[in-house]
Amino acid sequence: MKTLRSALLLALVGVAATLSAADKKPTDPKAAKAKPYPLKICVVTDDELKKDAFTYVFQGREIKLCCDECKKDFEKEPAKYVKILEEAEKKQAADKAKQPKKKQ
């Protein structure tokens, strides 16, 4: 009986280890890479971002805020702030398209 319990316990430990290893598989790099933050200011307060800006990922998009308190405000109305970020991205893309191409 002890042998059966030991074998069962060993099998359970093996299954647990396998499941744990499966959870640690690397994720798809494209899915893990967040869309970069397009502004040099906090989208909530319009304050200039410092080197120690509060940064996190929201729905695959990098969000930089002047402080962690702004996260609460951002998450109350995320659509409002994401729209501002999308407009900034469009402006950057348009500005980049207007720049003359460098000759090689």
C-alpha atoms as a PDB file:
ATOM      1  CA  MET A   1       0.000   0.000   0.000  1.00  0.00           C
ATOM      2  CA  LYS A   2       2.874   2.372   0.807  1.00  0.00           C
ATOM      3  CA  THR A   3       4.362   1.723  -2.624  1.00  0.00           C
ATOM      4  CA  LEU A   4       1.068   2.596  -4.312  1.00  0.00           C
ATOM      5  CA  ARG A   5       0.773   5.850  -2.336  1.00  0.00           C
ATOM      6  CA  SER A   6       4.379   6.724  -3.097  1.00  0.00           C
ATOM      7  CA  ALA A   7       3.873   6.062  -6.805  1.00  0.00           C
ATOM      8  CA  LEU A   8       0.672   8.122  -6.834  1.00  0.00           C
ATOM      9  CA  LEU A   9       2.350  10.978  -4.967  1.00  0.00           C
ATOM     10  CA  LEU A  10       5.307  10.905  -7.351  1.00  0.00           C
ATOM     11  CA  ALA A  11       2.959  10.970 -10.346  1.00  0.00           C
ATOM     12  CA  LEU A  12       1.072  13.961  -8.925  1.00  0.00           C
ATOM     13  CA  VAL A  13       4.319  15.831  -8.320  1.00  0.00           C
ATOM     14  CA  GLY A  14       5.351  15.117 -11.914  1.00  0.00           C
ATOM     15  CA  VAL A  15       2.037  16.411 -13.270  1.00  0.00           C
ATOM     16  CA  ALA A  16       2.257  19.538 -11.126  1.00  0.00           C
ATOM     17  CA  ALA A  17       5.795  20.219 -12.330  1.00  0.00           C
ATOM     18  CA  THR A  18       4.727  19.769 -15.952  1.00  0.00           C
ATOM     19  CA  LEU A  19       1.806  22.152 -15.536  1.00  0.00           C
ATOM     20  CA  SER A  20       4.024  24.692 -13.802  1.00  0.00           C
ATOM     21  CA  ALA A  21       6.543  24.536 -16.644  1.00  0.00           C
ATOM     22  CA  ALA A  22       3.750  24.976 -19.202  1.00  0.00           C
ATOM     23  CA  ASP A  23       2.678  28.207 -17.485  1.00  0.00           C
ATOM     24  CA  LYS A  24       6.193  29.607 -17.892  1.00  0.00           C
ATOM     25  CA  LYS A  25       6.392  29.172 -21.667  1.00  0.00           C
ATOM     26  CA  PRO A  26       7.401  32.400 -23.375  1.00  0.00           C
ATOM     27  CA  THR A  27       4.517  34.279 -24.902  1.00  0.00           C
ATOM     28  CA  ASP A  28       4.353  35.367 -28.506  1.00  0.00           C
ATOM     29  CA  PRO A  29       6.737  38.361 -28.767  1.00  0.00           C
ATOM     30  CA  LYS A  30       4.317  40.228 -31.045  1.00  0.00           C
ATOM     31  CA  ALA A  31       1.512  39.862 -28.516  1.00  0.00           C
ATOM     32  CA  ALA A  32       3.743  40.792 -25.582  1.00  0.00           C
ATOM     33  CA  LYS A  33       5.068  43.975 -27.189  1.00  0.00           C
ATOM     34  CA  ALA A  34       2.981  46.962 -26.207  1.00  0.00           C
ATOM     35  CA  LYS A  35       2.244  49.836 -28.554  1.00  0.00           C
ATOM     36  CA  PRO A  36       4.621  52.671 -27.540  1.00  0.00           C
ATOM     37  CA  TYR A  37       3.367  55.778 -25.772  1.00  0.00           C
ATOM     38  CA  PRO A  38       3.306  58.682 -28.289  1.00  0.00           C
ATOM     39  CA  LEU A  39       3.365  61.710 -25.983  1.00  0.00           C
ATOM     40  CA  LYS A  40       5.933  63.500 -23.834  1.00  0.00           C
ATOM     41  CA  ILE A  41       3.237  64.568 -21.394  1.00  0.00           C
ATOM     42  CA  CYS A  42       0.825  62.814 -19.055  1.00  0.00           C
ATOM     43  CA  VAL A  43      -2.374  62.180 -21.009  1.00  0.00           C
ATOM     44  CA  VAL A  44      -4.448  62.868 -17.867  1.00  0.00           C
ATOM     45  CA  THR A  45      -2.891  66.097 -16.517  1.00  0.00           C
ATOM     46  CA  ASP A  46      -0.811  67.378 -19.466  1.00  0.00           C
ATOM     47  CA  ASP A  47       2.178  67.587 -17.095  1.00  0.00           C
ATOM     48  CA  GLU A  48       5.615  66.870 -18.528  1.00  0.00           C
ATOM     49  CA  LEU A  49       6.731  63.291 -18.014  1.00  0.00           C
ATOM     50  CA  LYS A  50       9.832  62.798 -15.899  1.00  0.00           C
ATOM     51  CA  LYS A  51      12.276  59.899 -16.103  1.00  0.00           C
ATOM     52  CA  ASP A  52      10.438  58.170 -13.244  1.00  0.00           C
ATOM     53  CA  ALA A  53       7.027  58.384 -14.946  1.00  0.00           C
ATOM     54  CA  PHE A  54       4.460  55.805 -13.889  1.00  0.00           C
ATOM     55  CA  THR A  55       4.300  53.299 -16.749  1.00  0.00           C
ATOM     56  CA  TYR A  56       2.037  50.316 -17.309  1.00  0.00           C
ATOM     57  CA  VAL A  57       0.350  48.435 -20.144  1.00  0.00           C
ATOM     58  CA  PHE A  58      -3.366  48.886 -20.804  1.00  0.00           C
ATOM     59  CA  GLN A  59      -4.956  46.668 -23.460  1.00  0.00           C
ATOM     60  CA  GLY A  60      -1.681  46.195 -25.342  1.00  0.00           C
ATOM     61  CA  ARG A  61      -0.790  49.882 -25.179  1.00  0.00           C
ATOM     62  CA  GLU A  62       1.977  51.442 -23.082  1.00  0.00           C
ATOM     63  CA  ILE A  63       0.607  54.176 -20.828  1.00  0.00           C
ATOM     64  CA  LYS A  64       2.899  56.717 -19.178  1.00  0.00           C
ATOM     65  CA  LEU A  65       1.515  58.967 -16.482  1.00  0.00           C
ATOM     66  CA  CYS A  66       3.101  61.623 -14.302  1.00  0.00           C
ATOM     67  CA  CYS A  67       2.189  59.652 -11.166  1.00  0.00           C
ATOM     68  CA  ASP A  68       0.387  56.522 -10.049  1.00  0.00           C
ATOM     69  CA  GLU A  69      -2.585  58.602  -8.860  1.00  0.00           C
ATOM     70  CA  CYS A  70      -3.399  59.406 -12.505  1.00  0.00           C
ATOM     71  CA  LYS A  71      -3.994  55.706 -13.155  1.00  0.00           C
ATOM     72  CA  LYS A  72      -7.297  55.939 -11.264  1.00  0.00           C
ATOM     73  CA  ASP A  73      -8.425  58.855 -13.431  1.00  0.00           C
ATOM     74  CA  PHE A  74      -7.253  57.118 -16.599  1.00  0.00           C
ATOM     75  CA  GLU A  75      -9.149  53.955 -15.757  1.00  0.00           C
ATOM     76  CA  LYS A  76     -12.373  55.872 -15.006  1.00  0.00           C
ATOM     77  CA  GLU A  77     -12.526  57.050 -18.640  1.00  0.00           C
ATOM     78  CA  PRO A  78     -10.016  55.001 -20.653  1.00  0.00           C
ATOM     79  CA  ALA A  79     -11.781  55.555 -23.994  1.00  0.00           C
ATOM     80  CA  LYS A  80     -11.357  59.323 -23.610  1.00  0.00           C
ATOM     81  CA  TYR A  81      -7.614  59.034 -23.051  1.00  0.00           C
ATOM     82  CA  VAL A  82      -7.021  56.294 -25.619  1.00  0.00           C
ATOM     83  CA  LYS A  83      -8.690  58.552 -28.203  1.00  0.00           C
ATOM     84  CA  ILE A  84      -6.198  61.311 -27.355  1.00  0.00           C
ATOM     85  CA  LEU A  85      -3.326  58.838 -27.772  1.00  0.00           C
ATOM     86  CA  GLU A  86      -4.687  57.604 -31.108  1.00  0.00           C
ATOM     87  CA  GLU A  87      -4.934  61.187 -32.366  1.00  0.00           C
ATOM     88  CA  ALA A  88      -1.326  61.809 -31.315  1.00  0.00           C
ATOM     89  CA  GLU A  89      -0.245  58.660 -33.181  1.00  0.00           C
ATOM     90  CA  LYS A  90      -2.053  59.812 -36.330  1.00  0.00           C
ATOM     91  CA  LYS A  91      -0.384  63.226 -36.088  1.00  0.00           C
ATOM     92  CA  GLN A  92       3.047  61.631 -35.674  1.00  0.00           C
ATOM     93  CA  ALA A  93       2.425  59.389 -38.690  1.00  0.00           C
ATOM     94  CA  ALA A  94       1.310  62.376 -40.788  1.00  0.00           C
ATOM     95  CA  ASP A  95       4.352  64.415 -39.702  1.00  0.00           C
ATOM     96  CA  LYS A  96       6.647  61.524 -40.533  1.00  0.00           C
ATOM     97  CA  ALA A  97       5.042  61.151 -43.978  1.00  0.00           C
ATOM     98  CA  LYS A  98       5.624  64.861 -44.685  1.00  0.00           C
ATOM     99  CA  GLN A  99       9.346  64.679 -43.924  1.00  0.00           C
ATOM    100  CA  PRO A 100      11.513  64.533 -47.040  1.00  0.00           C
ATOM    101  CA  LYS A 101      13.169  61.183 -47.565  1.00  0.00           C
ATOM    102  CA  LYS A 102      16.920  61.145 -47.010  1.00  0.00           C
ATOM    103  CA  LYS A 103      19.092  60.342 -50.014  1.00  0.00           C
ATOM    104  CA  GLN A 104      21.439  57.422 -49.563  1.00  0.00           C
END
